[in-house]
Amino acid sequence: MFDISKSRFGLIQGDKIIKLFGKYLGNQKIEDLEVPLAVGATDFSNGQRVIIVKGSLVDAIRASISVPVLFAPYFHPVEEKWLVDGGFKISLWMTRLDSIRETILLEWMSLVA
């Protein structure tokens, strides 16, 4: 199920995960989904938050599960960036839960407004 990475950035390459997601999700595009979706990720090169709202659903999911050390970063073709898990940017142990909820709510409101 997992393919061992040859890179020094993650233990798992993730190609088999992409095939598995593709099997169940097909070629769905985020912008074509009935329910609006925004997937969070982090730019591996500079640590900036990236919100994916268009392109392949499978690509967005793969980028968002790229937990550093476990999965290799993923080059997202629409964003044209190497991305890792969106939680990489948020230090949960240093951030109060209230402010996380507030941030999520504000980001969600800005996406639907």
Protein backbone atom coordinates (compact mmCIF):
# COMPACT_ATOMS: atom_id res chain seq x y z
CA MET A 1 0.00 0.00 0.00
CA PHE A 2 2.86 2.40 0.75
CA ASP A 3 5.79 3.13 -1.50
CA ILE A 4 9.08 3.87 0.22
CA SER A 5 10.50 7.27 -0.69
CA LYS A 6 14.00 7.71 -2.04
CA SER A 7 14.00 11.34 -0.94
CA ARG A 8 15.37 12.51 2.37
CA PHE A 9 12.19 14.49 3.10
CA GLY A 10 9.76 11.65 3.82
CA LEU A 11 9.55 7.92 4.38
CA ILE A 12 6.63 7.42 1.97
CA GLN A 13 6.60 8.74 -1.60
CA GLY A 14 2.80 8.70 -1.90
CA ASP A 15 2.30 7.49 -5.48
CA LYS A 16 0.28 4.47 -4.34
CA ILE A 17 -1.91 6.73 -2.21
CA ILE A 18 -2.64 8.88 -5.29
CA LYS A 19 -3.67 5.77 -7.24
CA LEU A 20 -5.92 4.63 -4.38
CA PHE A 21 -7.63 8.03 -4.11
CA GLY A 22 -7.94 8.19 -7.89
CA LYS A 23 -9.67 4.81 -7.91
CA TYR A 24 -12.43 6.11 -5.63
CA LEU A 25 -12.54 9.81 -6.52
CA GLY A 26 -11.76 9.67 -10.23
CA ASN A 27 -10.83 12.93 -11.94
CA GLN A 28 -13.07 15.21 -9.86
CA LYS A 29 -12.14 18.87 -9.78
CA ILE A 30 -12.56 20.87 -6.59
CA GLU A 31 -14.32 23.69 -8.42
CA ASP A 32 -16.93 21.22 -9.78
CA LEU A 33 -17.96 19.78 -6.41
CA GLU A 34 -21.52 20.44 -5.21
CA VAL A 35 -20.28 21.66 -1.83
CA PRO A 36 -17.55 24.34 -1.88
CA LEU A 37 -14.25 22.94 -0.62
CA ALA A 38 -10.98 24.56 0.41
CA VAL A 39 -8.04 22.33 1.30
CA GLY A 40 -5.25 23.67 3.49
CA ALA A 41 -1.57 23.01 2.86
CA THR A 42 1.76 24.68 3.59
CA ASP A 43 4.36 25.84 1.06
CA PHE A 44 7.40 23.69 1.87
CA SER A 45 9.87 26.32 0.68
CA ASN A 46 8.70 29.26 2.80
CA GLY A 47 6.15 27.98 5.35
CA GLN A 48 3.30 30.11 3.97
CA ARG A 49 -0.24 28.80 4.18
CA VAL A 50 -1.78 27.72 0.86
CA ILE A 51 -5.53 27.27 0.38
CA ILE A 52 -6.34 25.03 -2.60
CA VAL A 53 -9.73 25.82 -4.16
CA LYS A 54 -9.26 24.55 -7.71
CA GLY A 55 -7.73 21.64 -9.54
CA SER A 56 -7.74 17.92 -8.93
CA LEU A 57 -9.35 16.75 -5.70
CA VAL A 58 -6.81 13.92 -5.51
CA ASP A 59 -3.88 16.36 -5.86
CA ALA A 60 -5.29 18.57 -3.09
CA ILE A 61 -5.77 15.63 -0.72
CA ARG A 62 -2.30 14.30 -1.45
CA ALA A 63 -0.74 17.68 -0.71
CA SER A 64 -2.70 18.07 2.50
CA ILE A 65 -1.65 14.68 3.92
CA SER A 66 2.05 15.28 3.37
CA VAL A 67 2.99 15.18 7.03
CA PRO A 68 6.70 16.04 7.12
CA VAL A 69 9.01 13.07 7.72
CA LEU A 70 6.18 10.59 7.04
CA PHE A 71 5.25 11.66 3.48
CA ALA A 72 7.49 13.37 0.96
CA PRO A 73 6.34 16.89 -0.02
CA TYR A 74 4.00 16.94 -3.02
CA PHE A 75 4.40 19.17 -6.06
CA HIS A 76 0.92 20.57 -6.69
CA PRO A 77 0.52 21.23 -10.43
CA VAL A 78 -2.01 24.08 -10.11
CA GLU A 79 -0.27 25.92 -7.26
CA GLU A 80 3.14 25.10 -8.80
CA LYS A 81 4.64 24.64 -5.32
CA TRP A 82 5.98 21.85 -3.15
CA LEU A 83 3.33 21.44 -0.46
CA VAL A 84 3.10 19.69 2.89
CA ASP A 85 0.31 19.23 5.44
CA GLY A 86 -1.58 22.43 6.26
CA GLY A 87 -1.18 21.79 9.99
CA PHE A 88 2.58 22.16 9.59
CA LYS A 89 2.12 25.94 9.72
CA ILE A 90 0.02 25.89 12.89
CA SER A 91 1.89 24.96 16.04
CA LEU A 92 -0.97 23.40 17.96
CA TRP A 93 0.97 23.14 21.18
CA MET A 94 1.62 26.90 21.14
CA THR A 95 -1.73 28.14 19.83
CA ARG A 96 -4.89 28.30 21.92
CA LEU A 97 -7.78 26.30 20.54
CA ASP A 98 -10.00 29.39 20.57
CA SER A 99 -7.72 31.25 18.20
CA ILE A 100 -7.57 28.25 15.86
CA ARG A 101 -11.36 28.09 15.73
CA GLU A 102 -11.46 31.84 15.13
CA THR A 103 -8.92 31.55 12.29
CA ILE A 104 -10.81 28.68 10.67
CA LEU A 105 -14.09 30.57 10.92
CA LEU A 106 -12.57 33.74 9.43
CA GLU A 107 -10.97 31.79 6.56
CA TRP A 108 -14.23 29.96 5.90
CA MET A 109 -16.17 33.25 5.94
CA SER A 110 -13.74 34.87 3.50
CA LEU A 111 -14.09 31.90 1.13
CA VAL A 112 -17.88 31.96 1.07
CA ALA A 113 -18.26 35.75 1.04
